[in-house]
């Protein structure tokens, strides 16, 4: 194994992890901003008000994006196992 291969494999695994986490993180961020804007407009300063909409949004994003995420992780794992003999040499 060359240092270039290890670096490339590490970058591919980090890219896959970021792509898997991105939908839920983006939905959580957008939901948090919208609820914060609502809190600022109504001057309601309840800290727990953000929690429930964020959790519902993240759960909904997970349901919507799960098939794509599953396809992505299966493709990464298949590529890893198919090329395992090459990686060993």
C-alpha atoms as a PDB file:
ATOM      1  CA  UNK A   1       0.000   0.000   0.000  1.00  0.00           C
ATOM      2  CA  UNK A   2       1.325   3.351  -1.015  1.00  0.00           C
ATOM      3  CA  UNK A   3       0.811   6.580   0.888  1.00  0.00           C
ATOM      4  CA  UNK A   4      -1.219   7.891  -2.069  1.00  0.00           C
ATOM      5  CA  UNK A   5      -3.577   4.930  -1.859  1.00  0.00           C
ATOM      6  CA  UNK A   6      -4.073   5.343   1.886  1.00  0.00           C
ATOM      7  CA  UNK A   7      -4.691   9.073   1.489  1.00  0.00           C
ATOM      8  CA  UNK A   8      -7.161   8.471  -1.347  1.00  0.00           C
ATOM      9  CA  UNK A   9      -8.996   5.770   0.581  1.00  0.00           C
ATOM     10  CA  UNK A  10      -9.153   7.979   3.665  1.00  0.00           C
ATOM     11  CA  UNK A  11     -10.514  10.903   1.618  1.00  0.00           C
ATOM     12  CA  UNK A  12     -13.145   8.659   0.007  1.00  0.00           C
ATOM     13  CA  UNK A  13     -14.285   7.378   3.401  1.00  0.00           C
ATOM     14  CA  UNK A  14     -14.463  10.916   4.818  1.00  0.00           C
ATOM     15  CA  UNK A  15     -16.443  12.058   1.738  1.00  0.00           C
ATOM     16  CA  UNK A  16     -18.864   9.162   2.221  1.00  0.00           C
ATOM     17  CA  UNK A  17     -19.310   9.979   5.912  1.00  0.00           C
ATOM     18  CA  UNK A  18     -19.985  13.653   5.118  1.00  0.00           C
ATOM     19  CA  UNK A  19     -22.511  12.736   2.433  1.00  0.00           C
ATOM     20  CA  UNK A  20     -24.274  10.390   4.858  1.00  0.00           C
ATOM     21  CA  UNK A  21     -24.528  13.014   7.593  1.00  0.00           C
ATOM     22  CA  UNK A  22     -25.252  16.069   5.424  1.00  0.00           C
ATOM     23  CA  UNK A  23     -29.031  15.705   4.884  1.00  0.00           C
ATOM     24  CA  UNK A  24     -29.828  15.459   8.586  1.00  0.00           C
ATOM     25  CA  UNK A  25     -27.395  18.229   9.508  1.00  0.00           C
ATOM     26  CA  UNK A  26     -28.797  20.612   6.889  1.00  0.00           C
ATOM     27  CA  UNK A  27     -32.398  19.945   7.929  1.00  0.00           C
ATOM     28  CA  UNK A  28     -31.475  20.438  11.582  1.00  0.00           C
ATOM     29  CA  UNK A  29     -29.712  23.693  10.762  1.00  0.00           C
ATOM     30  CA  UNK A  30     -32.581  25.073   8.682  1.00  0.00           C
ATOM     31  CA  UNK A  31     -35.160  24.039  11.278  1.00  0.00           C
ATOM     32  CA  UNK A  32     -33.114  25.632  14.047  1.00  0.00           C
ATOM     33  CA  UNK A  33     -32.811  28.900  12.117  1.00  0.00           C
ATOM     34  CA  UNK A  34     -36.538  29.008  11.355  1.00  0.00           C
ATOM     35  CA  UNK A  35     -37.499  28.322  14.958  1.00  0.00           C
ATOM     36  CA  UNK A  36     -34.989  30.917  16.167  1.00  0.00           C
ATOM     37  CA  UNK A  37     -36.492  33.482  13.806  1.00  0.00           C
ATOM     38  CA  UNK A  38     -39.946  32.611  15.180  1.00  0.00           C
ATOM     39  CA  UNK A  39     -38.634  32.981  18.729  1.00  0.00           C
ATOM     40  CA  UNK A  40     -37.071  36.342  17.926  1.00  0.00           C
ATOM     41  CA  UNK A  41     -40.269  37.608  16.294  1.00  0.00           C
ATOM     42  CA  UNK A  42     -42.504  36.530  19.172  1.00  0.00           C
ATOM     43  CA  UNK A  43     -39.908  37.111  21.917  1.00  0.00           C
ATOM     44  CA  UNK A  44     -40.441  33.621  23.278  1.00  0.00           C
ATOM     45  CA  UNK A  45     -37.138  32.578  24.850  1.00  0.00           C
ATOM     46  CA  UNK A  46     -37.856  28.956  25.587  1.00  0.00           C
ATOM     47  CA  UNK A  47     -34.763  26.789  25.023  1.00  0.00           C
ATOM     48  CA  UNK A  48     -36.712  23.543  24.674  1.00  0.00           C
ATOM     49  CA  UNK A  49     -38.899  24.943  21.877  1.00  0.00           C
ATOM     50  CA  UNK A  50     -36.142  24.266  19.332  1.00  0.00           C
ATOM     51  CA  UNK A  51     -35.637  20.643  20.349  1.00  0.00           C
ATOM     52  CA  UNK A  52     -38.894  19.038  19.176  1.00  0.00           C
ATOM     53  CA  UNK A  53     -39.034  20.621  15.677  1.00  0.00           C
ATOM     54  CA  UNK A  54     -35.378  19.772  15.106  1.00  0.00           C
ATOM     55  CA  UNK A  55     -35.885  16.161  16.120  1.00  0.00           C
ATOM     56  CA  UNK A  56     -38.965  15.839  13.913  1.00  0.00           C
ATOM     57  CA  UNK A  57     -37.134  17.442  10.988  1.00  0.00           C
ATOM     58  CA  UNK A  58     -34.115  15.180  11.364  1.00  0.00           C
ATOM     59  CA  UNK A  59     -36.335  12.101  11.632  1.00  0.00           C
ATOM     60  CA  UNK A  60     -38.249  13.142   8.520  1.00  0.00           C
ATOM     61  CA  UNK A  61     -34.995  13.775   6.640  1.00  0.00           C
ATOM     62  CA  UNK A  62     -33.762  10.349   7.677  1.00  0.00           C
ATOM     63  CA  UNK A  63     -36.938   8.739   6.325  1.00  0.00           C
ATOM     64  CA  UNK A  64     -36.753  10.669   3.051  1.00  0.00           C
ATOM     65  CA  UNK A  65     -33.023  10.249   2.403  1.00  0.00           C
ATOM     66  CA  UNK A  66     -32.604   6.722   3.796  1.00  0.00           C
ATOM     67  CA  UNK A  67     -32.819   4.908   0.406  1.00  0.00           C
ATOM     68  CA  UNK A  68     -30.157   7.197  -1.081  1.00  0.00           C
ATOM     69  CA  UNK A  69     -27.966   6.851   2.022  1.00  0.00           C
ATOM     70  CA  UNK A  70     -28.328   3.072   1.955  1.00  0.00           C
ATOM     71  CA  UNK A  71     -27.371   2.967  -1.721  1.00  0.00           C
ATOM     72  CA  UNK A  72     -24.331   5.147  -0.997  1.00  0.00           C
ATOM     73  CA  UNK A  73     -23.019   3.048   1.892  1.00  0.00           C
ATOM     74  CA  UNK A  74     -23.702  -0.221   0.068  1.00  0.00           C
ATOM     75  CA  UNK A  75     -21.767   1.058  -2.954  1.00  0.00           C
ATOM     76  CA  UNK A  76     -18.836   2.074  -0.750  1.00  0.00           C
ATOM     77  CA  UNK A  77     -18.844  -1.287   1.042  1.00  0.00           C
ATOM     78  CA  UNK A  78     -19.134  -3.273  -2.192  1.00  0.00           C
ATOM     79  CA  UNK A  79     -16.216  -1.324  -3.644  1.00  0.00           C
ATOM     80  CA  UNK A  80     -14.211  -2.020  -0.509  1.00  0.00           C
ATOM     81  CA  UNK A  81     -14.891  -5.775  -0.530  1.00  0.00           C
ATOM     82  CA  UNK A  82     -14.475  -6.183  -4.299  1.00  0.00           C
ATOM     83  CA  UNK A  83     -11.074  -4.508  -4.240  1.00  0.00           C
ATOM     84  CA  UNK A  84      -9.883  -6.086  -1.003  1.00  0.00           C
ATOM     85  CA  UNK A  85      -7.443  -8.470  -2.750  1.00  0.00           C
ATOM     86  CA  UNK A  86      -5.939  -5.476  -4.550  1.00  0.00           C
ATOM     87  CA  UNK A  87      -5.646  -3.575  -1.303  1.00  0.00           C
ATOM     88  CA  UNK A  88      -3.774  -6.409   0.390  1.00  0.00           C
ATOM     89  CA  UNK A  89      -1.019  -6.534  -2.222  1.00  0.00           C
END
